[in-house]
Amino acid sequence: MKKELIINAGQTDVEIALLEDSKLVEIHRQKHNVRFNVGDIFLGRVKKLMPGLNAAFIDIGNKRDAFLHYTDLGPNLRSVLKWTKQAVAGQNSSRLDHFEFEPEIIKTGKINEVLNKNEFVLCQILKEPISTKGPRLSCEITIPGRYLVLTPFNNFISISKRVSNSEERKRLKILMESIKPKNFGVILRTAAEGKKVADLHREVRELEIKWEQIHQQLKHATPPKKLLAELDKASSILRDLLTEEFNSIVVNDKEAFNTIQTLLKTIAPDRVKILKYYKSPIPIFSKYGVSRQIKSSFGKTSTLKSGTYIVIEHTEAMHVVDVNSGPKSQRQDQESSALKVNLEAAEEIARQMRLRDLGGIILVDFIDMRKSENKKRLYDSMREFMKNDRAQHTILPLSKFGLMQITRQRVKPEIEINTTEKCPTCNGTGTIDASILILDNIERDMDFILSSKPKAKLSIKVHPFLEAYLKKGWPSPRMKWYFKYNKWIRIVSDEDFGLLHYSFYDRDDEIRLSQS
C-alpha cells in the first residue's frame, strides 16, 4: 500500500491529509494556539470531588475543569501522589529504583477515599475537550516513543498484538527485561519488530530523559502547569505511522519542513529522502486532489463509483449509516447484488469512520441478505477494512434485522466540514449582476491597481472555469491585457473559489483587491 502525507500549513492552523493509494483516509486540523492535546502531561489540582459520579474535576488551566474518573486513576495512584508530593517539595529523584511503593487502590473503591480537595495530582490527557465537556484525564502516565511506550510506576512488559511471530515476541521480551529501568513498565509497539537492542536501548534512554524533565519541572511547581507537551500533530502521526509503505511526505511550509526533517533524521534517517518541500503557487491540497476528495466525502450522503450511496446521520446517542444500492445497480439475482453493494459500502464506511473520526456507537443498516455465508463474509470484510484504523474498535456480526453495530474510540471531537457553498453568483440573495460583465469588472479593478502601482507584478486567482475562459481563444482575454497594459498577468486557479470570485495579488502575494 502506498501512503502519502500532505501537510498544508497556514497562518492560523495546519491541515494534514493522509492518503492511502491516493485515497483520503484521514484529515487532521490543528490550530497554532491549541493548548490541550491528547498525551500532554500536567500537574493539576483537585477542584471538586463528585462521589455520585465517582469522579473528580481537576484544574489544569482549561476554561472547563478536566474530568478524572475513578477507573482512570490506575492501581498505583497512591504511589503517584506520594512521588508527586515529594517531587514538588524537591525531596526525591526522577529514578524509581529505591522508591517505596504504596499499596494499590481497589478497583471498586470510591473517589473520595483516595483523593482530597485541593490535592496536587500528576495527570495526562486521554481525550480532548469535546462540545461542552472538558478534557478527560488519566493518572496512568505514558511517555510514547517510536518503538515503545514507557509507563512509570509499573513493572510489566507488553508487546503489540500485531507482532505475531512467537520467537520475535520472546526475543523482544528478553531484550526489554535486560534494559528497562526498574519500576518502569514498557509497551512495545509494532515498529519494534526486528529492531536491535541498541535501537531500543537508545529510545528507552530518550524517554527516561523526558521523565527527568518532568521531575525537574515539578520542583516547587504550582498547579495548573503543563509538564510535557505531546508532539505537534504531523510529528506524532509520523512517529506512530511511519513505515516502509510511506513513499512521500509533502509540506508547503519551510518551518514545518525543517521540524519534520529533524524528526526523520532522529527516528528514521534512511527515510529523510521521502520528505519534499512544496513551492508551487497552486494550493497543495488542490495539487494532490485532497480538496476534491474533501468536497466529495463529507456531507450527509457519500456516493460511490457504482452508484451505491451511503447516508450518514448523527444523533445525540449514536451515528446511523444507511446503505442504498442506487439507480445503477446491475441486473443480477438479488442476493449477489446485495452482497456486492454491501461489500463496496463496507469499505467506504470504514474509510468514513477514519476520515470523520466518528466515535461512540455506529449502527449500519446494510441491504438484507438471506445466506449466512454472505453475512459472515461481510462481517469478515468489515474487520479487514478496519484493520488499519488506529482507534480502538469493536465490530459485532449482523443481527437478524441486518444491522451491524460498531463501537469506536472517541478521543477528540468529530471532524465536521461543511461542503455546501453559498451561491457564488448571488451570495444567497437570489439575484446576480450580469455575468457577461465579469471581464469589465476585472479590467476596472486592474486599471485601478496598475494606475496606483504601475510596476506591480500582478497575478489573479480565480475558479478553474474562469481560468479556462481567460486563457481561451486568440487573442485570449489575457493576451488582450498584455497588449493593453504591456504586462503579463499571471492567472492562478483555486478550486475553493466561487465561480465568479477573483482576487488580485502583487509580487509578495499580498492581496490587493478581491471581488465575490
Protein backbone atom coordinates (compact mmCIF):
# COMPACT_ATOMS: atom_id res chain seq x y z
CA MET A 1 0.00 0.00 0.00
CA LYS A 2 1.28 3.44 -0.99
CA LYS A 3 0.99 6.10 1.75
CA GLU A 4 1.39 9.85 1.40
CA LEU A 5 1.23 12.64 3.99
CA ILE A 6 0.22 16.06 2.63
CA ILE A 7 0.73 18.97 5.07
CA ASN A 8 -0.87 22.34 4.40
CA ALA A 9 0.45 24.93 6.87
CA GLY A 10 -1.48 28.21 7.04
CA GLN A 11 -1.18 31.31 9.19
CA THR A 12 -3.61 30.10 11.87
CA ASP A 13 -3.65 26.31 11.56
CA VAL A 14 -2.13 23.21 9.98
CA GLU A 15 -4.11 20.72 7.90
CA ILE A 16 -2.72 17.20 7.50
CA ALA A 17 -4.08 14.70 4.98
CA LEU A 18 -3.16 11.01 4.99
CA LEU A 19 -3.61 9.28 1.63
CA GLU A 20 -3.54 5.53 1.08
CA ASP A 21 -3.24 4.59 -2.60
CA SER A 22 -4.16 8.24 -3.37
CA LYS A 23 -7.42 7.90 -1.41
CA LEU A 24 -8.01 10.28 1.52
CA VAL A 25 -8.41 8.28 4.74
CA GLU A 26 -7.56 10.77 7.50
CA ILE A 27 -7.73 14.54 7.82
CA HIS A 28 -6.36 16.38 10.85
CA ARG A 29 -6.55 20.06 11.73
CA GLN A 30 -4.56 21.76 14.45
CA LYS A 31 -4.66 25.44 15.34
CA HIS A 32 -1.34 27.04 16.22
CA ASN A 33 -2.66 28.30 19.56
CA VAL A 34 -4.12 24.98 20.77
CA ARG A 35 -3.11 24.34 24.39
CA PHE A 36 -4.53 20.89 25.02
CA ASN A 37 -3.55 17.76 23.11
CA VAL A 38 -4.04 14.10 23.88
CA GLY A 39 -0.88 12.92 25.63
CA ASP A 40 0.02 16.22 27.33
CA ILE A 41 1.10 15.76 30.97
CA PHE A 42 0.05 18.26 33.66
CA LEU A 43 0.35 18.99 37.34
CA GLY A 44 -3.28 19.64 38.26
CA ARG A 45 -5.24 20.44 41.40
CA VAL A 46 -8.35 18.61 42.58
CA LYS A 47 -11.09 21.22 42.24
CA LYS A 48 -14.17 19.21 43.15
CA LEU A 49 -15.00 15.63 44.18
CA MET A 50 -18.19 14.09 42.79
CA PRO A 51 -18.96 10.86 44.73
CA GLY A 52 -22.17 10.40 42.73
CA LEU A 53 -20.16 10.15 39.51
CA ASN A 54 -17.23 8.50 41.31
CA ALA A 55 -15.05 11.12 39.67
CA ALA A 56 -13.20 14.37 40.31
CA PHE A 57 -12.87 17.62 38.41
CA ILE A 58 -9.25 18.76 38.02
CA ASP A 59 -7.97 22.24 37.27
CA ILE A 60 -5.31 22.02 34.54
CA GLY A 61 -5.79 25.52 33.15
CA ASN A 62 -8.65 24.81 30.76
CA LYS A 63 -11.74 27.06 30.93
CA ARG A 64 -13.69 23.91 31.81
CA ASP A 65 -12.25 21.68 34.51
CA ALA A 66 -10.94 18.33 33.32
CA PHE A 67 -12.76 15.10 34.22
CA LEU A 68 -10.97 12.29 36.08
CA HIS A 69 -12.96 9.09 36.67
CA TYR A 70 -12.03 6.52 39.33
CA THR A 71 -11.40 3.88 36.64
CA ASP A 72 -8.71 6.11 35.10
CA LEU A 73 -6.75 6.57 38.35
CA GLY A 74 -4.66 3.43 37.90
CA PRO A 75 -3.89 0.89 40.63
CA ASN A 76 -0.73 2.75 41.76
CA LEU A 77 -2.43 6.09 42.37
CA ARG A 78 -1.18 6.37 45.96
CA SER A 79 2.41 5.89 44.76
CA VAL A 80 1.95 8.55 42.05
CA LEU A 81 0.52 11.03 44.58
CA LYS A 82 3.34 10.34 47.02
CA TRP A 83 6.07 10.72 44.39
CA THR A 84 4.45 13.91 43.04
CA LYS A 85 4.26 15.48 46.51
CA GLN A 86 7.93 14.66 47.15
CA ALA A 87 8.97 15.99 43.72
CA VAL A 88 7.16 19.31 44.27
CA ALA A 89 8.96 19.62 47.61
CA GLY A 90 12.29 18.74 45.94
CA GLN A 91 12.79 15.67 48.15
CA ASN A 92 13.32 12.87 45.60
CA SER A 93 14.91 11.98 42.26
CA SER A 94 13.42 11.02 38.91
CA ARG A 95 14.64 7.42 39.27
CA LEU A 96 12.28 4.94 40.90
CA ASP A 97 14.86 2.29 41.84
CA HIS A 98 14.66 2.99 45.58
CA PHE A 99 11.18 4.49 45.68
CA GLU A 100 8.91 2.75 48.21
CA PHE A 101 5.57 1.97 46.61
CA GLU A 102 2.27 2.45 48.44
CA PRO A 103 -0.46 -0.24 48.47
CA GLU A 104 -2.59 -0.38 45.32
CA ILE A 105 -6.12 1.02 45.33
CA ILE A 106 -9.03 -1.39 44.82
CA LYS A 107 -10.99 -1.45 41.56
CA THR A 108 -14.35 -0.93 43.28
CA GLY A 109 -13.28 1.96 45.52
CA LYS A 110 -14.70 5.48 45.87
CA ILE A 111 -13.09 8.67 44.60
CA ASN A 112 -13.36 10.47 47.96
CA GLU A 113 -11.44 7.62 49.62
CA VAL A 114 -8.29 8.19 47.54
CA LEU A 115 -8.34 11.90 46.59
CA ASN A 116 -8.78 15.08 48.63
CA LYS A 117 -9.91 18.53 47.54
CA ASN A 118 -7.01 20.84 46.51
CA GLU A 119 -4.60 17.90 46.35
CA PHE A 120 -1.87 18.05 43.67
CA VAL A 121 -2.18 15.32 41.04
CA LEU A 122 0.03 14.24 38.14
CA CYS A 123 -2.24 13.54 35.18
CA GLN A 124 -2.33 13.09 31.40
CA ILE A 125 -4.97 14.00 28.81
CA LEU A 126 -6.88 10.98 27.44
CA LYS A 127 -9.46 12.90 25.40
CA GLU A 128 -9.53 16.44 24.06
CA PRO A 129 -12.31 18.84 25.12
CA ILE A 130 -15.47 17.80 23.25
CA SER A 131 -18.53 20.07 22.95
CA THR A 132 -19.33 21.37 26.45
CA LYS A 133 -17.07 18.82 28.18
CA GLY A 134 -13.56 19.50 29.41
CA PRO A 135 -10.61 17.17 28.72
CA ARG A 136 -10.70 13.64 30.15
CA LEU A 137 -7.69 12.66 32.26
CA SER A 138 -5.78 9.61 33.45
CA CYS A 139 -3.26 9.20 36.25
CA GLU A 140 -1.62 6.25 34.46
CA ILE A 141 1.19 8.19 32.82
CA THR A 142 2.56 7.02 29.45
CA ILE A 143 5.53 8.52 27.57
CA PRO A 144 5.37 7.36 23.92
CA GLY A 145 8.28 6.83 21.55
CA ARG A 146 8.75 5.38 18.08
CA TYR A 147 9.31 1.78 19.18
CA LEU A 148 7.95 1.65 22.72
CA VAL A 149 5.93 3.42 25.40
CA LEU A 150 7.38 3.96 28.89
CA THR A 151 4.97 3.77 31.84
CA PRO A 152 6.36 4.82 35.25
CA PHE A 153 5.16 3.11 38.47
CA ASN A 154 4.73 -0.24 36.70
CA ASN A 155 6.79 -3.37 36.08
CA PHE A 156 5.08 -5.12 33.16
CA ILE A 157 6.34 -5.74 29.60
CA SER A 158 3.59 -5.75 26.97
CA ILE A 159 4.01 -6.43 23.23
CA SER A 160 1.72 -5.28 20.41
CA LYS A 161 -0.68 -7.98 19.22
CA ARG A 162 0.39 -7.20 15.65
CA VAL A 163 3.78 -8.75 16.40
CA SER A 164 2.51 -12.27 15.68
CA ASN A 165 5.76 -14.26 15.49
CA SER A 166 6.20 -16.09 18.81
CA GLU A 167 10.01 -16.19 18.52
CA GLU A 168 10.15 -12.44 17.92
CA ARG A 169 7.86 -11.78 20.88
CA LYS A 170 10.10 -13.90 23.08
CA ARG A 171 13.23 -12.10 21.80
CA LEU A 172 11.75 -8.65 22.45
CA LYS A 173 10.65 -9.59 25.95
CA ILE A 174 14.11 -10.90 26.89
CA LEU A 175 15.74 -7.75 25.48
CA MET A 176 13.45 -5.42 27.39
CA GLU A 177 13.91 -7.27 30.67
CA SER A 178 17.64 -6.53 30.41
CA ILE A 179 17.41 -2.81 29.52
CA LYS A 180 14.24 -1.37 31.03
CA PRO A 181 14.68 0.79 34.16
CA LYS A 182 13.39 -0.57 37.47
CA ASN A 183 9.77 0.21 38.34
CA PHE A 184 9.01 1.31 34.78
CA GLY A 185 6.66 -0.66 32.56
CA VAL A 186 7.15 -0.94 28.79
CA ILE A 187 4.71 -1.37 25.92
CA LEU A 188 6.50 -2.48 22.74
CA ARG A 189 4.90 -1.13 19.57
CA THR A 190 4.66 -2.90 16.20
CA ALA A 191 7.56 -0.76 14.91
CA ALA A 192 9.87 -2.51 17.43
CA GLU A 193 9.65 -5.78 15.47
CA GLY A 194 13.10 -6.77 14.22
CA LYS A 195 14.90 -3.86 15.91
CA LYS A 196 18.29 -4.31 17.57
CA VAL A 197 18.89 -3.90 21.28
CA ALA A 198 20.92 -0.72 20.63
CA ASP A 199 17.91 0.96 18.95
CA LEU A 200 15.58 0.01 21.79
CA HIS A 201 18.07 0.99 24.48
CA ARG A 202 18.62 4.39 22.83
CA GLU A 203 14.89 5.11 22.86
CA VAL A 204 14.48 3.93 26.46
CA ARG A 205 17.14 6.47 27.41
CA GLU A 206 15.41 9.25 25.40
CA LEU A 207 12.12 8.56 27.18
CA GLU A 208 13.89 8.47 30.55
CA ILE A 209 15.25 11.95 29.81
CA LYS A 210 11.69 13.18 29.21
CA TRP A 211 10.70 11.72 32.60
CA GLU A 212 13.66 13.52 34.18
CA GLN A 213 12.47 16.78 32.59
CA ILE A 214 9.02 16.24 34.14
CA HIS A 215 10.68 15.73 37.52
CA GLN A 216 12.74 18.92 37.15
CA GLN A 217 9.66 20.99 36.30
CA LEU A 218 7.78 19.64 39.31
CA LYS A 219 10.22 21.21 41.79
CA HIS A 220 8.33 23.95 43.67
CA ALA A 221 5.68 23.96 40.90
CA THR A 222 2.20 25.39 41.43
CA PRO A 223 -0.73 23.87 39.52
CA PRO A 224 -2.03 24.16 36.90
CA LYS A 225 1.19 23.58 34.97
CA LYS A 226 1.96 21.75 31.73
CA LEU A 227 4.96 19.47 32.29
CA LEU A 228 5.32 17.72 28.94
CA ALA A 229 3.72 18.58 25.61
CA GLU A 230 2.92 15.92 23.04
CA LEU A 231 4.48 16.40 19.60
CA ASP A 232 2.60 18.51 17.08
CA LYS A 233 0.04 16.59 15.05
CA ALA A 234 2.22 16.00 11.98
CA SER A 235 5.18 14.74 14.03
CA SER A 236 3.02 12.46 16.19
CA ILE A 237 1.41 10.91 13.09
CA LEU A 238 4.85 10.23 11.64
CA ARG A 239 6.09 8.76 14.90
CA ASP A 240 3.12 6.40 15.10
CA LEU A 241 2.62 5.50 11.43
CA LEU A 242 5.92 5.81 9.56
CA THR A 243 6.63 2.52 7.81
CA GLU A 244 8.25 1.33 4.59
CA GLU A 245 4.89 1.89 2.89
CA PHE A 246 5.30 5.67 3.22
CA ASN A 247 6.70 6.95 -0.05
CA SER A 248 6.03 10.68 0.18
CA ILE A 249 5.70 13.47 2.75
CA VAL A 250 4.94 16.85 1.17
CA VAL A 251 4.81 20.11 3.14
CA ASN A 252 4.33 23.69 1.96
CA ASP A 253 5.86 25.49 4.96
CA LYS A 254 9.62 25.87 5.48
CA GLU A 255 9.45 25.82 9.29
CA ALA A 256 7.29 22.69 9.32
CA PHE A 257 9.62 21.14 6.71
CA ASN A 258 12.67 21.73 8.95
CA THR A 259 10.85 20.33 12.03
CA ILE A 260 9.82 17.14 10.21
CA GLN A 261 13.27 16.78 8.64
CA THR A 262 14.86 16.91 12.12
CA LEU A 263 12.38 14.32 13.40
CA LEU A 264 13.05 11.98 10.47
CA LYS A 265 16.81 12.25 10.98
CA THR A 266 16.20 11.07 14.56
CA ILE A 267 13.65 8.28 14.11
CA ALA A 268 14.33 7.09 10.53
CA PRO A 269 17.44 8.59 8.88
CA ASP A 270 17.00 6.37 5.83
CA ARG A 271 13.55 7.91 5.17
CA VAL A 272 14.60 11.59 5.02
CA LYS A 273 14.67 11.44 1.21
CA ILE A 274 10.86 11.00 1.01
CA LEU A 275 10.31 14.48 2.50
CA LYS A 276 9.62 17.18 -0.11
CA TYR A 277 9.17 20.93 0.15
CA TYR A 278 6.25 22.19 -1.98
CA LYS A 279 6.77 25.59 -3.67
CA SER A 280 4.17 25.74 -6.45
CA PRO A 281 1.61 28.62 -6.43
CA ILE A 282 -1.17 26.04 -6.90
CA PRO A 283 -2.65 25.24 -3.44
CA ILE A 284 -1.10 22.00 -2.18
CA PHE A 285 -4.44 20.33 -1.42
CA SER A 286 -5.66 21.10 -4.95
CA LYS A 287 -2.46 19.72 -6.50
CA TYR A 288 -2.80 16.36 -4.73
CA GLY A 289 -6.58 16.08 -5.10
CA VAL A 290 -7.29 16.48 -1.39
CA SER A 291 -9.72 19.41 -1.77
CA ARG A 292 -11.80 17.46 -4.30
CA GLN A 293 -11.93 14.39 -2.04
CA ILE A 294 -12.94 16.50 0.97
CA LYS A 295 -15.80 18.02 -1.03
CA SER A 296 -17.00 14.59 -2.19
CA SER A 297 -16.50 12.72 1.11
CA PHE A 298 -18.11 14.99 3.69
CA GLY A 299 -21.77 15.82 3.89
CA LYS A 300 -24.81 13.72 4.61
CA THR A 301 -24.50 11.48 1.53
CA SER A 302 -21.45 9.78 0.04
CA THR A 303 -21.81 8.27 -3.44
CA LEU A 304 -19.53 5.51 -4.74
CA LYS A 305 -18.44 4.85 -8.33
CA SER A 306 -21.01 2.09 -8.90
CA GLY A 307 -23.86 4.39 -7.89
CA THR A 308 -24.16 2.83 -4.43
CA TYR A 309 -24.52 5.53 -1.81
CA ILE A 310 -24.49 5.72 1.96
CA VAL A 311 -26.36 8.21 4.14
CA ILE A 312 -24.72 9.18 7.44
CA GLU A 313 -26.90 10.66 10.16
CA HIS A 314 -25.69 11.91 13.53
CA THR A 315 -27.91 11.71 16.60
CA GLU A 316 -27.21 12.60 20.22
CA ALA A 317 -26.56 8.95 21.14
CA MET A 318 -25.03 7.42 18.01
CA HIS A 319 -24.25 7.61 14.30
CA VAL A 320 -26.58 5.81 11.90
CA VAL A 321 -25.48 4.73 8.41
CA ASP A 322 -27.94 3.60 5.75
CA VAL A 323 -26.73 1.68 2.68
CA ASN A 324 -28.58 2.11 -0.63
CA SER A 325 -27.92 0.32 -3.93
CA GLY A 326 -28.69 3.38 -6.07
CA PRO A 327 -30.18 3.51 -9.58
CA LYS A 328 -27.17 1.94 -11.34
CA SER A 329 -27.33 -1.47 -9.63
CA GLN A 330 -26.61 -4.31 -12.06
CA ARG A 331 -29.27 -6.77 -13.03
CA GLN A 332 -28.40 -10.00 -11.27
CA ASP A 333 -30.01 -12.11 -8.60
CA GLN A 334 -30.97 -10.16 -5.50
CA GLU A 335 -28.62 -11.96 -3.08
CA SER A 336 -25.50 -11.47 -5.24
CA SER A 337 -26.40 -7.86 -5.89
CA ALA A 338 -26.95 -7.17 -2.19
CA LEU A 339 -23.59 -8.77 -1.27
CA LYS A 340 -21.72 -6.73 -3.90
CA VAL A 341 -23.31 -3.46 -2.76
CA ASN A 342 -22.73 -4.23 0.92
CA LEU A 343 -19.04 -5.08 0.41
CA GLU A 344 -18.45 -1.88 -1.54
CA ALA A 345 -20.33 0.15 1.09
CA ALA A 346 -18.45 -1.52 3.96
CA GLU A 347 -15.09 -0.37 2.56
CA GLU A 348 -16.36 3.19 2.23
CA ILE A 349 -17.91 3.15 5.73
CA ALA A 350 -14.58 2.03 7.22
CA ARG A 351 -12.88 4.93 5.41
CA GLN A 352 -15.55 7.40 6.50
CA MET A 353 -15.15 6.42 10.17
CA ARG A 354 -11.42 7.17 10.00
CA LEU A 355 -11.88 10.29 7.89
CA ARG A 356 -14.58 11.89 10.06
CA ASP A 357 -13.18 10.33 13.25
CA LEU A 358 -16.61 9.03 14.22
CA GLY A 359 -16.74 7.81 17.81
CA GLY A 360 -19.16 6.01 20.11
CA ILE A 361 -21.81 3.71 18.65
CA ILE A 362 -22.14 3.41 14.86
CA LEU A 363 -25.18 1.49 13.61
CA VAL A 364 -25.06 0.35 9.97
CA ASP A 365 -28.19 -0.74 8.10
CA PHE A 366 -26.92 -2.95 5.28
CA ILE A 367 -29.11 -4.30 2.49
CA ASP A 368 -30.78 -7.51 3.66
CA MET A 369 -29.13 -10.82 2.76
CA ARG A 370 -30.51 -14.28 3.44
CA LYS A 371 -27.47 -16.56 3.24
CA SER A 372 -25.47 -16.90 6.44
CA GLU A 373 -22.20 -17.35 4.50
CA ASN A 374 -22.73 -13.94 2.84
CA LYS A 375 -23.38 -12.33 6.22
CA LYS A 376 -20.17 -13.85 7.59
CA ARG A 377 -18.23 -12.68 4.53
CA LEU A 378 -19.49 -9.13 5.07
CA TYR A 379 -18.53 -9.25 8.76
CA ASP A 380 -15.03 -10.60 7.98
CA SER A 381 -14.58 -7.97 5.25
CA MET A 382 -15.52 -5.14 7.59
CA ARG A 383 -12.94 -6.36 10.10
CA GLU A 384 -10.34 -6.44 7.31
CA PHE A 385 -11.27 -2.94 6.09
CA MET A 386 -10.87 -1.56 9.62
CA LYS A 387 -7.59 -3.27 10.50
CA ASN A 388 -5.60 -0.09 9.70
CA ASP A 389 -7.81 2.02 11.98
CA ARG A 390 -5.67 3.16 14.93
CA ALA A 391 -8.69 3.89 17.13
CA GLN A 392 -9.82 1.02 19.35
CA HIS A 393 -12.98 -0.50 17.92
CA THR A 394 -15.31 -3.48 18.25
CA ILE A 395 -17.43 -4.92 15.43
CA LEU A 396 -20.41 -7.20 16.02
CA PRO A 397 -21.80 -9.63 13.39
CA LEU A 398 -25.00 -8.75 11.55
CA SER A 399 -28.13 -9.02 13.66
CA LYS A 400 -31.25 -10.78 12.41
CA PHE A 401 -32.51 -7.38 11.24
CA GLY A 402 -29.42 -6.89 9.02
CA LEU A 403 -27.86 -4.29 11.34
CA MET A 404 -24.16 -4.14 12.21
CA GLN A 405 -23.12 -2.50 15.47
CA ILE A 406 -19.68 -0.91 15.76
CA THR A 407 -18.14 0.91 18.70
CA ARG A 408 -15.14 3.15 18.08
CA GLN A 409 -12.89 5.00 20.49
CA ARG A 410 -13.53 8.72 20.72
CA VAL A 411 -10.56 10.89 21.78
CA LYS A 412 -11.36 14.19 20.06
CA PRO A 413 -14.34 15.98 18.51
CA GLU A 414 -15.77 14.53 15.32
CA ILE A 415 -14.48 16.28 12.19
CA GLU A 416 -17.25 18.26 10.54
CA ILE A 417 -16.65 20.04 7.25
CA ASN A 418 -19.48 21.90 5.58
CA THR A 419 -19.22 21.07 1.88
CA THR A 420 -22.19 23.18 0.81
CA GLU A 421 -21.35 26.53 -0.75
CA LYS A 422 -23.13 29.83 -0.88
CA CYS A 423 -24.19 30.54 -4.44
CA PRO A 424 -21.06 32.12 -5.96
CA THR A 425 -23.06 34.44 -8.17
CA CYS A 426 -25.88 35.68 -5.95
CA ASN A 427 -24.31 35.24 -2.46
CA GLY A 428 -27.62 33.82 -1.26
CA THR A 429 -29.76 36.77 -2.42
CA GLY A 430 -31.30 35.04 -5.43
CA THR A 431 -30.23 37.79 -7.82
CA ILE A 432 -26.91 38.38 -9.61
CA ASP A 433 -25.12 41.02 -11.61
CA ALA A 434 -24.95 40.19 -15.29
CA SER A 435 -22.23 37.51 -15.65
CA ILE A 436 -21.25 38.98 -19.02
CA LEU A 437 -19.80 41.93 -17.07
CA ILE A 438 -17.18 39.81 -15.24
CA LEU A 439 -14.45 40.85 -17.70
CA ASP A 440 -15.41 44.50 -17.33
CA ASN A 441 -15.23 44.20 -13.53
CA ILE A 442 -11.79 42.53 -13.65
CA GLU A 443 -10.41 45.18 -16.03
CA ARG A 444 -11.88 48.00 -13.95
CA ASP A 445 -10.09 46.70 -10.84
CA MET A 446 -6.93 46.05 -12.87
CA ASP A 447 -6.93 49.66 -14.12
CA PHE A 448 -7.26 50.91 -10.56
CA ILE A 449 -4.39 48.76 -9.23
CA LEU A 450 -1.96 49.46 -12.08
CA SER A 451 -2.66 53.19 -12.05
CA SER A 452 -1.60 53.35 -8.39
CA LYS A 453 1.21 50.78 -8.67
CA PRO A 454 2.31 50.52 -12.32
CA LYS A 455 5.35 48.31 -11.59
CA ALA A 456 3.37 45.65 -9.72
CA LYS A 457 3.90 42.04 -10.82
CA LEU A 458 0.22 41.28 -10.83
CA SER A 459 -1.48 37.89 -10.61
CA ILE A 460 -5.15 36.98 -10.39
CA LYS A 461 -6.59 33.96 -8.60
CA VAL A 462 -9.88 32.58 -9.97
CA HIS A 463 -12.03 29.46 -10.21
CA PRO A 464 -10.67 26.87 -12.75
CA PHE A 465 -13.64 27.51 -15.08
CA LEU A 466 -12.92 31.24 -15.16
CA GLU A 467 -9.20 30.50 -15.64
CA ALA A 468 -10.02 28.43 -18.73
CA TYR A 469 -12.19 31.24 -20.10
CA LEU A 470 -9.50 33.89 -19.56
CA LYS A 471 -6.94 31.78 -21.47
CA LYS A 472 -9.33 30.72 -24.25
CA GLY A 473 -9.10 31.79 -27.91
CA TRP A 474 -6.78 34.00 -29.94
CA PRO A 475 -6.36 36.55 -28.76
CA SER A 476 -7.49 35.44 -25.32
CA PRO A 477 -8.57 37.99 -22.68
CA ARG A 478 -5.12 37.61 -21.10
CA MET A 479 -3.42 38.38 -24.42
CA LYS A 480 -5.59 41.50 -24.77
CA TRP A 481 -4.47 42.58 -21.29
CA TYR A 482 -0.86 42.14 -22.37
CA PHE A 483 -1.34 44.42 -25.38
CA LYS A 484 -3.30 46.94 -23.28
CA TYR A 485 -1.05 47.14 -20.21
CA ASN A 486 2.24 45.85 -21.68
CA LYS A 487 2.29 43.46 -18.71
CA TRP A 488 1.82 39.68 -18.48
CA ILE A 489 -0.83 38.89 -15.88
CA ARG A 490 -0.36 35.51 -14.19
CA ILE A 491 -3.58 33.51 -13.74
CA VAL A 492 -3.80 31.02 -10.84
CA SER A 493 -6.73 28.64 -10.34
CA ASP A 494 -8.17 27.68 -6.96
CA GLU A 495 -10.95 25.09 -6.62
CA ASP A 496 -12.13 26.70 -3.37
CA PHE A 497 -13.03 29.96 -5.15
CA GLY A 498 -16.59 30.70 -6.22
CA LEU A 499 -17.35 30.63 -9.94
CA LEU A 500 -17.20 34.43 -10.36
CA HIS A 501 -14.90 35.20 -7.43
CA TYR A 502 -11.46 36.65 -8.14
CA SER A 503 -8.60 38.14 -6.13
CA PHE A 504 -5.55 40.16 -7.22
CA TYR A 505 -2.09 39.68 -5.72
CA ASP A 506 1.18 41.52 -6.16
CA ARG A 507 4.70 40.03 -6.23
CA ASP A 508 4.67 39.44 -2.44
CA ASP A 509 1.37 37.55 -2.65
CA GLU A 510 -0.18 40.39 -0.71
CA ILE A 511 -3.86 40.67 -1.50
CA ARG A 512 -4.65 43.89 -3.34
CA LEU A 513 -8.28 43.70 -4.24
CA SER A 514 -10.93 40.98 -4.36
CA GLN A 515 -14.43 40.58 -5.68
CA SER A 516 -17.02 37.91 -4.94
